[in-house]
Every structure is written in structure tokens, then in C-alpha cells.
Amino acid sequence: MTTPRIVVIGAGLGGTIAAYEINGAVGNRAEILMISDSDTYSFVPSNPWVAVRWREPEAIQVHLPPIFAKKRIGFTSAGAKRIHPAEKRVDLNNGESVNYDYLVIATGPDLAFDEIEGFGPNGGHTVSVCHTSHASEAADAFEEFCKNPGPIVVGAAQGASCYGPAYEFALILDTELKRRKIRDKVPMTFVTAEPYIGHLGLDGVGDTKTLLESELRNRHIKWITNARVTSFEAGMAHVEEVADDGSVKSKHDLPFGYSMLLPAFRGVPAVRDIEGLTNPRGFILVDKHQRNPKFPEIFALGVCVAIPPTGPTPVPVGVPKTGFMIESMVTAIAENFVEILDGKEPTHEATWNAVCLADFGDGGVAFVAQPQIPPRNLNWSASGKWVHLAKIGFEKYFLRKVRKGESEPFYEKLALHVMGIRKLKM
């Protein structure tokens, strides 16, 4: 009897810990192979720090091949070109193919900068913190900006499904500009598709509306909600503010010397437009066990998973997949593989709770949502300088675990510890 092969695609936050945890759960009962498009793991939550040079890229990156070799997990950085579910095969970018018995898709998103004219870091007029390489380029642009400061526009475009980093980066910029004593020369505007400040794609958590509005107001950052960006040109963002009935309430031409907006996400080309596997945006369809209904040997986790929005909004707003939520998907999949290899049907489900530490450089906002999608059993948020310190500690903790190849839960253990809320059962 041949040993089944479990292939994991994507060595980001979710895929890396999935490979570790699945390997630990199934032992020598299955062969594990990781397909990545890079030899390097990057701790994406620290990208806003990279963009103002509070971190250098190498400080938040881990070289993966020797770690996977030590864990006896196969690894290739050729990257996945196309998945063929009916054949249980993955074509790689180097022309080779890999067969699988089971597939775990953890690719993260494709960044849809091309959906808005002039948007993005590659040939567009804005910077990005979505990838560490983007954030490094954003740091160079920020240094040039500081030589001749002017207006800044920060936020999240229509269809975005990740809002925390937009708030983080706006307020980190505010903190850094104050340290350089040029904040008085920099008008700032926060532009977001959210129907209100602090919505976060989750219809708010606790009192995030009041907390984040107060932060922006106290730091003299103006905002535009229900915003639909129509285009960017050099030094100018063109934005429509949409009314509740979907009509255009007003138009804004926002000059900028520096701008970063988070884009909408979609599925990566390797999985897009495969009937039964993905929705129209290319996100993977899964059941409550993280399993695709049409191709039951395929599982998915993280940002690439299809989740419907919390409700209708005047401008499209996606749902974030936070680290704690992703971690619970990983554990459910690992435990389900144990059952599958025992000849049983999978029974484990992800909890889909959310814990977030949003750092502002000199403070921050934290929230806990159980479950992430309302209505909730727990709905809590708080702010303070302790959040900044907690985020630093979390970064060190997480990177240490990745470097050691350890699969124990990261988010639950650390987040509950630093927030001092062990009494809140997740």
C-alpha cells in the first residue's frame, strides 16, 4: 500500500503552520509536500513597520527549506501554475507536475490592483504593504516623500476584505511624521469602502467605531466612508462617496504626495475559474470541515476561502480572515486528516473566532470576536499603549515558532496572554 501524499500550496501564515501541524498530526502515515512560490516566509502583520523602516525585511523573514527538511516535509519553491482537480494534479511554474491524494490550498489572495486605473505599486501611482517586498519599496518612497512632504491618502478600496492594516498604516504614518517633526506639513485623509469607521468588514467589534473615530479625530485625520475609488493619477486620487441608496453622493479629487490603499482580493490564477472549486471571484468553496463539496480530497484555509459578507453595504466590503480564524482552520484540517487516514469521515470544524492587535506605533486597538461573524457570544475591544507592546511580543513569538517548525497554536495562546483575558474561553 502506497503512502498517501498531502500537498499544501502556499507557505504564508496559514500554509506554513498547516504543513507543520498536519505533519505532526499524521506522522509517517502520509507524505507532506509544500509548494510555494518563494523560499522565504514573511510575517505579513509587520509589513506596515517595514514601510516606515521600523523593521528591515530580513528581520521579519524566515528561510524555509532547511526547516522543512528538518521536519521531513518536502518543499519546492517553483510555485503552482494550475490545479487540475479531476486529475489530482498540480502543474508547477517550472514545467513539472505534482500528483496528490489530498490537497490543501492556502495560497492567500491575488491582489486586484488592475481593477482600478493607476492603482498599485507596479506601474501605478500608489504604494502597498500587502507583500514585504511592496513594503520595502514603500519605505523608499516614504523617505523621498519626507524630503518634500505634502498630503497623504490612506485606506482600503472597494471590495477590500482586510481593513486593520489600513488603519494601522495611517496611524503609524502619523506617529512617524510626528517623530520627524513634519506632521504639521502633511494633511491626511482616510478613504474606505466601509459604511462607517471601525466596521472592519465585520460590522464592528465591540466599540471599534468610537475607538477608531476618536483615534482619527485626535490625530487630525479626515475620513471618507462608503468610498468608491474610480482612478488614480500621479498625485491625485479620484473618489466617489456613495449614498445608502447606491447613488453618488459627492465626488472627491484628493491630491497626495504619498498614498497607500489596500486593494480588493481575488483567487490566484492557479485556482480561478474551476467549476465547483471556486466562486466567481476565485475563492475556494468549502463546507464546515474546510472541504470542497465537489472535490472532497481538496481542503482550503485562510484568505483564499470564500466567505459571504456580513450584510449588504452601499459599496462592496469583504470579510477579513484573521490569524486566529486561520489558525482554527488549520487545526480542523489537521484533525480531519487523522480521521480520514483512519477511514472515517471528517468531523472537526473551525471555530472562526477573531483576535486582532492593531498597532499605531504609540498605542493601538485590540478586539476579540467570538465568533468572527455576528451575532456573537463575545464582542470586546479596547485600546492603549499596551497593544503596541503586545504586537512587538507577538511578532517575536510567532517568528520564533516558525523558525523552530513548531505547530502549537500561536494566536490563542499569545493573544489571550498579552490581553490578560484568560477567563474568556475561546
Protein backbone atom coordinates (compact mmCIF):
# COMPACT_ATOMS: atom_id res chain seq x y z
CA MET A 1 0.00 0.00 0.00
CA THR A 2 1.46 3.35 -1.04
CA THR A 3 1.76 6.23 1.40
CA PRO A 4 -0.78 8.95 0.56
CA ARG A 5 0.58 12.36 -0.42
CA ILE A 6 -0.81 15.55 1.10
CA VAL A 7 0.20 18.63 -0.88
CA VAL A 8 -0.03 22.10 0.67
CA ILE A 9 0.04 25.11 -1.67
CA GLY A 10 1.21 28.39 -0.17
CA ALA A 11 3.86 28.97 2.51
CA GLY A 12 2.31 32.03 4.06
CA LEU A 13 0.92 32.36 7.58
CA GLY A 14 -1.73 29.68 7.10
CA GLY A 15 0.10 27.29 4.80
CA THR A 16 3.31 27.15 6.81
CA ILE A 17 1.65 26.31 10.09
CA ALA A 18 -0.68 23.92 8.25
CA ALA A 19 2.28 21.93 6.94
CA TYR A 20 3.78 21.82 10.44
CA GLU A 21 0.54 20.84 12.15
CA ILE A 22 -0.62 18.28 9.57
CA ASN A 23 2.83 16.69 9.66
CA GLY A 24 2.70 16.50 13.43
CA ALA A 25 -0.81 15.05 13.39
CA VAL A 26 -0.37 12.32 10.75
CA GLY A 27 3.28 11.43 11.36
CA ASN A 28 4.64 8.85 8.92
CA ARG A 29 1.17 7.86 7.73
CA ALA A 30 1.34 10.41 4.89
CA GLU A 31 3.92 12.25 2.82
CA ILE A 32 3.68 16.05 3.12
CA LEU A 33 4.82 18.32 0.28
CA MET A 34 4.81 22.12 0.39
CA ILE A 35 4.53 24.08 -2.88
CA SER A 36 5.49 27.73 -2.52
CA ASP A 37 6.50 30.47 -4.93
CA SER A 38 9.32 31.57 -2.62
CA ASP A 39 11.94 30.12 -0.28
CA THR A 40 11.06 32.84 2.22
CA TYR A 41 8.31 33.16 4.80
CA SER A 42 7.38 36.77 5.66
CA PHE A 43 5.46 37.84 8.76
CA VAL A 44 2.90 39.98 6.91
CA PRO A 45 1.45 41.71 10.04
CA SER A 46 4.77 43.57 10.38
CA ASN A 47 4.73 45.00 6.84
CA PRO A 48 3.44 48.44 7.97
CA TRP A 49 6.55 48.69 10.18
CA VAL A 50 8.77 47.83 7.21
CA ALA A 51 7.19 50.67 5.22
CA VAL A 52 8.48 53.26 7.72
CA ARG A 53 11.75 51.41 8.38
CA TRP A 54 10.86 50.36 11.92
CA ARG A 55 11.78 46.90 10.64
CA GLU A 56 14.07 45.73 7.85
CA PRO A 57 12.62 42.97 5.66
CA GLU A 58 15.12 40.35 6.79
CA ALA A 59 14.06 40.87 10.42
CA ILE A 60 10.58 39.50 9.70
CA GLN A 61 11.53 36.76 7.24
CA VAL A 62 12.44 33.09 7.64
CA HIS A 63 14.36 30.91 5.16
CA LEU A 64 12.13 27.85 4.85
CA PRO A 65 13.97 25.00 3.03
CA PRO A 66 16.19 23.88 5.93
CA ILE A 67 13.27 23.97 8.37
CA PHE A 68 11.08 21.82 6.14
CA ALA A 69 13.99 19.47 5.53
CA LYS A 70 14.48 19.06 9.28
CA LYS A 71 10.76 18.31 9.68
CA ARG A 72 10.98 15.83 6.77
CA ILE A 73 8.43 17.81 4.78
CA GLY A 74 9.01 18.03 1.03
CA PHE A 75 9.44 21.54 -0.35
CA THR A 76 9.56 23.26 -3.73
CA SER A 77 9.59 26.98 -4.47
CA ALA A 78 8.62 26.51 -8.12
CA GLY A 79 5.10 27.75 -7.38
CA ALA A 80 1.76 26.37 -8.55
CA LYS A 81 0.70 27.31 -12.08
CA ARG A 82 -2.60 25.42 -12.33
CA ILE A 83 -4.60 22.90 -10.34
CA HIS A 84 -6.34 20.03 -12.14
CA PRO A 85 -8.77 18.63 -9.55
CA ALA A 86 -10.22 15.91 -11.77
CA GLU A 87 -6.72 14.51 -12.26
CA LYS A 88 -5.46 15.25 -8.73
CA ARG A 89 -2.52 17.10 -10.22
CA VAL A 90 -0.79 20.46 -9.80
CA ASP A 91 1.23 21.99 -12.63
CA LEU A 92 4.26 23.95 -11.44
CA ASN A 93 5.73 27.10 -12.94
CA ASN A 94 8.91 25.20 -13.88
CA GLY A 95 7.03 22.86 -16.24
CA GLU A 96 6.87 19.94 -13.82
CA SER A 97 3.72 18.41 -12.31
CA VAL A 98 2.93 17.03 -8.87
CA ASN A 99 0.26 14.40 -8.15
CA TYR A 100 -1.59 14.36 -4.86
CA ASP A 101 -4.03 12.25 -2.89
CA TYR A 102 -5.13 15.25 -0.83
CA LEU A 103 -4.63 18.94 -1.45
CA VAL A 104 -4.65 21.86 1.00
CA ILE A 105 -4.99 25.25 -0.69
CA ALA A 106 -3.52 28.10 1.36
CA THR A 107 -2.40 30.42 -1.42
CA GLY A 108 -3.59 33.69 0.04
CA PRO A 109 -5.05 36.20 -2.44
CA ASP A 110 -4.25 37.71 -5.78
CA LEU A 111 -4.13 41.50 -5.39
CA ALA A 112 -6.62 43.13 -7.76
CA PHE A 113 -4.81 46.44 -8.32
CA ASP A 114 -5.65 46.24 -12.02
CA GLU A 115 -9.37 46.74 -11.30
CA ILE A 116 -8.76 50.46 -10.69
CA GLU A 117 -6.87 52.60 -13.19
CA GLY A 118 -3.50 53.83 -11.94
CA PHE A 119 -3.67 51.72 -8.73
CA GLY A 120 -0.79 49.85 -7.16
CA PRO A 121 2.99 49.72 -6.88
CA ASN A 122 3.82 48.13 -10.23
CA GLY A 123 3.32 50.88 -12.78
CA GLY A 124 0.65 52.61 -10.69
CA HIS A 125 0.76 55.69 -8.51
CA THR A 126 0.32 54.19 -5.03
CA VAL A 127 2.42 52.07 -2.68
CA SER A 128 1.42 48.83 -0.95
CA VAL A 129 2.05 46.98 2.31
CA CYS A 130 0.45 43.71 1.16
CA HIS A 131 3.79 41.99 0.48
CA THR A 132 7.06 42.60 2.32
CA SER A 133 8.73 43.49 -0.98
CA HIS A 134 5.98 46.09 -1.54
CA ALA A 135 6.51 47.48 1.95
CA SER A 136 10.25 47.80 1.32
CA GLU A 137 9.54 49.82 -1.83
CA ALA A 138 7.00 51.87 0.13
CA ALA A 139 9.76 52.71 2.64
CA ASP A 140 11.95 54.10 -0.13
CA ALA A 141 9.04 56.18 -1.43
CA PHE A 142 8.30 57.44 2.09
CA GLU A 143 11.87 58.64 2.54
CA GLU A 144 11.59 60.64 -0.68
CA PHE A 145 8.20 61.97 0.40
CA CYS A 146 9.62 63.24 3.69
CA LYS A 147 12.09 65.41 1.79
CA ASN A 148 9.16 67.29 0.29
CA PRO A 149 6.08 66.49 2.44
CA GLY A 150 2.52 67.02 1.29
CA PRO A 151 -0.91 65.34 1.53
CA ILE A 152 -1.28 61.62 2.30
CA VAL A 153 -4.21 59.41 1.30
CA VAL A 154 -4.51 56.01 3.06
CA GLY A 155 -7.27 53.44 3.27
CA ALA A 156 -8.96 50.49 1.57
CA ALA A 157 -10.58 50.37 -1.87
CA GLN A 158 -13.96 48.89 -2.74
CA GLY A 159 -14.09 45.13 -2.36
CA ALA A 160 -11.19 45.06 0.10
CA SER A 161 -11.53 42.42 2.80
CA CYS A 162 -8.71 43.48 5.10
CA TYR A 163 -9.04 46.78 6.96
CA GLY A 164 -6.89 46.55 10.07
CA PRO A 165 -3.61 47.21 8.19
CA ALA A 166 -5.12 50.32 6.58
CA TYR A 167 -5.88 51.85 9.99
CA GLU A 168 -2.53 50.66 11.30
CA PHE A 169 -0.59 52.24 8.48
CA ALA A 170 -2.45 55.57 8.65
CA LEU A 171 -1.73 55.89 12.35
CA ILE A 172 1.83 54.56 12.12
CA LEU A 173 2.48 57.23 9.48
CA ASP A 174 1.04 59.83 11.85
CA THR A 175 3.37 58.63 14.62
CA GLU A 176 6.46 58.58 12.38
CA LEU A 177 5.72 62.02 10.91
CA LYS A 178 5.46 63.43 14.43
CA ARG A 179 8.82 61.89 15.30
CA ARG A 180 10.31 63.61 12.25
CA LYS A 181 8.56 66.85 13.28
CA ILE A 182 6.88 67.29 9.89
CA ARG A 183 3.34 66.14 10.76
CA ASP A 184 2.14 69.76 10.54
CA LYS A 185 3.05 69.76 6.83
CA VAL A 186 1.04 66.63 6.00
CA PRO A 187 -2.78 66.74 5.66
CA MET A 188 -4.10 63.17 5.86
CA THR A 189 -7.31 61.60 4.55
CA PHE A 190 -8.51 58.07 5.29
CA VAL A 191 -10.55 56.63 2.41
CA THR A 192 -12.51 53.42 2.95
CA ALA A 193 -15.28 51.37 1.39
CA GLU A 194 -16.63 50.64 4.89
CA PRO A 195 -20.06 52.12 5.69
CA TYR A 196 -18.60 53.59 8.88
CA ILE A 197 -15.20 53.90 10.54
CA GLY A 198 -14.42 50.75 12.50
CA HIS A 199 -16.71 48.45 10.52
CA LEU A 200 -13.65 46.36 9.58
CA GLY A 201 -15.68 44.09 7.30
CA LEU A 202 -17.20 42.63 10.48
CA ASP A 203 -19.94 45.18 11.22
CA GLY A 204 -17.68 46.41 14.02
CA VAL A 205 -16.35 44.57 17.06
CA GLY A 206 -17.19 45.96 20.46
CA ASP A 207 -16.83 49.73 20.23
CA THR A 208 -14.35 49.84 17.33
CA LYS A 209 -16.43 52.59 15.71
CA THR A 210 -15.92 55.00 18.59
CA LEU A 211 -12.34 53.91 19.28
CA LEU A 212 -11.13 54.34 15.71
CA GLU A 213 -13.11 57.51 15.04
CA SER A 214 -11.55 59.02 18.16
CA GLU A 215 -8.06 57.99 17.03
CA LEU A 216 -8.53 59.58 13.61
CA ARG A 217 -10.12 62.71 15.02
CA ASN A 218 -7.47 63.19 17.70
CA ARG A 219 -4.75 62.84 15.09
CA HIS A 220 -6.39 65.27 12.64
CA ILE A 221 -7.04 62.63 10.01
CA LYS A 222 -10.14 63.30 7.92
CA TRP A 223 -12.12 60.40 6.51
CA ILE A 224 -14.45 59.41 3.70
CA THR A 225 -16.60 56.28 4.15
CA ASN A 226 -18.74 54.47 1.54
CA ALA A 227 -15.91 55.41 -0.82
CA ARG A 228 -15.51 54.03 -4.32
CA VAL A 229 -12.18 54.86 -5.93
CA THR A 230 -12.60 55.47 -9.67
CA SER A 231 -8.96 56.06 -10.62
CA PHE A 232 -5.54 57.30 -9.60
CA GLU A 233 -3.22 59.55 -11.49
CA ALA A 234 0.13 60.94 -10.45
CA GLY A 235 -0.54 62.87 -7.25
CA MET A 236 -4.35 62.58 -7.37
CA ALA A 237 -6.99 60.08 -6.22
CA HIS A 238 -10.47 60.29 -7.69
CA VAL A 239 -13.11 59.05 -5.25
CA GLU A 240 -16.90 58.80 -5.29
CA GLU A 241 -18.75 58.93 -1.97
CA VAL A 242 -21.81 56.68 -2.29
CA ALA A 243 -25.15 57.26 -0.57
CA ASP A 244 -27.11 54.48 1.13
CA ASP A 245 -29.29 54.02 -1.96
CA GLY A 246 -26.23 53.42 -4.14
CA SER A 247 -26.26 56.82 -5.83
CA VAL A 248 -23.20 59.04 -5.93
CA LYS A 249 -23.47 61.46 -3.01
CA SER A 250 -20.38 63.50 -3.90
CA LYS A 251 -17.10 63.30 -5.76
CA HIS A 252 -13.68 63.99 -4.29
CA ASP A 253 -10.41 64.77 -6.03
CA LEU A 254 -7.78 64.12 -3.38
CA PRO A 255 -4.24 65.36 -4.01
CA PHE A 256 -1.44 63.30 -2.49
CA GLY A 257 2.31 63.11 -2.30
CA TYR A 258 2.11 59.59 -0.86
CA SER A 259 -0.76 57.08 -0.93
CA MET A 260 -1.43 53.51 0.17
CA LEU A 261 -4.82 51.83 -0.21
CA LEU A 262 -5.49 48.13 0.29
CA PRO A 263 -6.90 46.52 -2.87
CA ALA A 264 -9.71 44.04 -3.37
CA PHE A 265 -8.65 40.41 -3.23
CA ARG A 266 -9.46 37.55 -5.61
CA GLY A 267 -8.34 33.97 -6.08
CA VAL A 268 -4.92 33.31 -7.58
CA PRO A 269 -4.71 32.26 -11.26
CA ALA A 270 -3.86 28.67 -10.32
CA VAL A 271 -7.38 28.08 -8.98
CA ARG A 272 -9.53 30.70 -10.71
CA ASP A 273 -12.47 29.65 -12.93
CA ILE A 274 -12.51 25.99 -11.94
CA GLU A 275 -16.16 24.98 -11.80
CA GLY A 276 -17.19 23.62 -8.44
CA LEU A 277 -13.94 24.63 -6.78
CA THR A 278 -14.23 28.43 -6.69
CA ASN A 279 -16.80 31.21 -6.63
CA PRO A 280 -16.82 33.93 -9.34
CA ARG A 281 -14.03 35.84 -7.57
CA GLY A 282 -11.85 32.75 -7.46
CA PHE A 283 -12.19 32.00 -3.74
CA ILE A 284 -12.33 28.34 -2.70
CA LEU A 285 -15.72 26.92 -1.76
CA VAL A 286 -15.60 24.85 1.45
CA ASP A 287 -18.02 23.15 3.81
CA LYS A 288 -17.92 23.31 7.60
CA HIS A 289 -14.97 20.89 7.62
CA GLN A 290 -12.89 23.16 5.29
CA ARG A 291 -13.51 20.67 2.48
CA ASN A 292 -14.60 21.43 -1.07
CA PRO A 293 -18.04 19.91 -1.78
CA LYS A 294 -17.30 18.85 -5.37
CA PHE A 295 -13.72 17.68 -4.81
CA PRO A 296 -13.71 16.21 -1.26
CA GLU A 297 -9.96 15.48 -1.37
CA ILE A 298 -9.35 19.27 -1.52
CA PHE A 299 -9.29 21.41 1.62
CA ALA A 300 -8.68 25.15 1.91
CA LEU A 301 -7.85 27.67 4.61
CA GLY A 302 -7.07 31.32 5.07
CA VAL A 303 -7.66 34.30 2.81
CA CYS A 304 -8.34 32.11 -0.24
CA VAL A 305 -11.55 30.71 1.32
CA ALA A 306 -14.93 32.04 0.16
CA ILE A 307 -16.87 33.77 2.95
CA PRO A 308 -20.01 35.83 2.22
CA PRO A 309 -20.12 39.44 3.50
CA THR A 310 -21.79 40.20 6.83
CA GLY A 311 -24.57 42.06 5.03
CA PRO A 312 -25.33 44.49 2.20
CA THR A 313 -23.38 47.77 2.13
CA PRO A 314 -23.55 50.69 -0.34
CA VAL A 315 -20.02 49.87 -1.50
CA PRO A 316 -18.76 46.23 -1.57
CA VAL A 317 -16.97 45.29 1.66
CA GLY A 318 -15.33 41.89 2.09
CA VAL A 319 -14.85 39.83 5.25
CA PRO A 320 -11.32 39.54 6.70
CA LYS A 321 -9.78 36.19 7.54
CA THR A 322 -7.83 37.00 10.69
CA GLY A 323 -4.94 34.98 12.09
CA PHE A 324 -6.92 33.32 14.87
CA MET A 325 -9.60 32.30 12.38
CA ILE A 326 -6.95 30.88 10.04
CA GLU A 327 -5.29 29.01 12.88
CA SER A 328 -8.57 27.31 13.77
CA MET A 329 -8.99 26.25 10.13
CA VAL A 330 -5.50 24.72 10.22
CA THR A 331 -6.25 22.69 13.35
CA ALA A 332 -9.58 21.46 11.99
CA ILE A 333 -7.94 20.28 8.77
CA ALA A 334 -5.09 18.52 10.60
CA GLU A 335 -7.53 16.70 12.87
CA ASN A 336 -9.74 15.81 9.91
CA PHE A 337 -6.79 14.20 8.15
CA VAL A 338 -6.26 11.93 11.14
CA GLU A 339 -9.86 10.76 10.84
CA ILE A 340 -9.63 10.35 7.05
CA LEU A 341 -6.48 8.23 7.34
CA ASP A 342 -8.36 6.11 9.89
CA GLY A 343 -11.03 5.51 7.25
CA LYS A 344 -13.56 7.81 8.92
CA GLU A 345 -15.46 10.87 7.75
CA PRO A 346 -14.10 14.23 9.00
CA THR A 347 -15.96 15.79 11.93
CA HIS A 348 -13.82 18.73 13.04
CA GLU A 349 -14.89 22.32 12.38
CA ALA A 350 -13.00 25.60 12.67
CA THR A 351 -14.16 27.96 15.41
CA TRP A 352 -13.70 31.09 13.27
CA ASN A 353 -13.07 33.40 16.21
CA ALA A 354 -11.08 36.64 15.79
CA VAL A 355 -8.33 38.21 17.87
CA CYS A 356 -6.64 41.28 16.42
CA LEU A 357 -3.89 43.59 17.64
CA ALA A 358 -3.87 46.77 15.55
CA ASP A 359 -0.70 48.72 16.29
CA PHE A 360 -0.48 52.50 15.86
CA GLY A 361 3.17 52.93 16.79
CA ASP A 362 2.45 54.63 20.10
CA GLY A 363 -0.70 52.73 21.05
CA GLY A 364 -3.30 50.58 19.34
CA VAL A 365 -6.65 48.86 19.40
CA ALA A 366 -7.32 45.20 20.21
CA PHE A 367 -10.50 43.24 19.73
CA VAL A 368 -11.90 39.77 20.31
CA ALA A 369 -14.91 38.47 18.39
CA GLN A 370 -16.45 35.07 19.13
CA PRO A 371 -17.40 34.11 16.50
CA GLN A 372 -15.88 36.48 13.96
CA ILE A 373 -19.17 36.85 12.06
CA PRO A 374 -22.03 38.38 14.12
CA PRO A 375 -24.18 37.71 16.09
CA ARG A 376 -21.54 36.90 18.69
CA ASN A 377 -21.15 35.32 22.06
CA LEU A 378 -18.25 37.65 22.83
CA ASN A 379 -17.82 41.16 21.41
CA TRP A 380 -14.90 43.04 23.02
CA SER A 381 -12.50 45.82 22.12
CA ALA A 382 -10.03 48.04 23.98
CA SER A 383 -7.21 50.47 23.28
CA GLY A 384 -3.96 51.58 24.88
CA LYS A 385 -0.17 51.67 24.62
CA TRP A 386 -0.08 48.06 25.77
CA VAL A 387 -1.34 46.97 22.33
CA HIS A 388 1.86 48.28 20.70
CA LEU A 389 3.99 46.33 23.16
CA ALA A 390 1.83 43.24 22.72
CA LYS A 391 2.22 43.37 18.93
CA ILE A 392 6.02 43.50 19.30
CA GLY A 393 5.93 40.50 21.62
CA PHE A 394 3.61 38.65 19.29
CA GLU A 395 5.90 39.22 16.31
CA LYS A 396 8.89 37.78 18.20
CA TYR A 397 6.89 34.82 19.48
CA PHE A 398 5.42 33.91 16.09
CA LEU A 399 8.69 34.18 14.18
CA ARG A 400 10.45 32.06 16.77
CA LYS A 401 7.83 29.34 16.35
CA VAL A 402 8.09 29.42 12.55
CA ARG A 403 11.89 29.17 12.73
CA LYS A 404 11.61 26.15 15.03
CA GLY A 405 8.95 24.48 12.88
CA GLU A 406 6.60 24.21 15.85
CA SER A 407 2.90 23.63 15.31
CA GLU A 408 1.34 24.54 18.66
CA PRO A 409 -1.38 27.22 18.48
CA PHE A 410 0.10 30.69 18.13
CA TYR A 411 -2.75 33.17 18.26
CA GLU A 412 -4.86 31.74 21.04
CA LYS A 413 -2.00 31.20 23.48
CA LEU A 414 -0.26 34.53 22.96
CA ALA A 415 -3.21 36.80 22.29
CA LEU A 416 -5.10 35.70 25.38
CA HIS A 417 -1.93 36.04 27.44
CA VAL A 418 -0.99 39.57 26.39
CA MET A 419 -4.55 40.80 26.75
CA GLY A 420 -4.89 39.28 30.20
CA ILE A 421 -8.25 37.71 29.40
CA ARG A 422 -7.64 34.04 30.02
CA LYS A 423 -11.05 33.90 31.65
CA LEU A 424 -12.62 34.41 28.21
CA LYS A 425 -12.98 30.90 26.82
CA MET A 426 -12.38 30.78 23.09
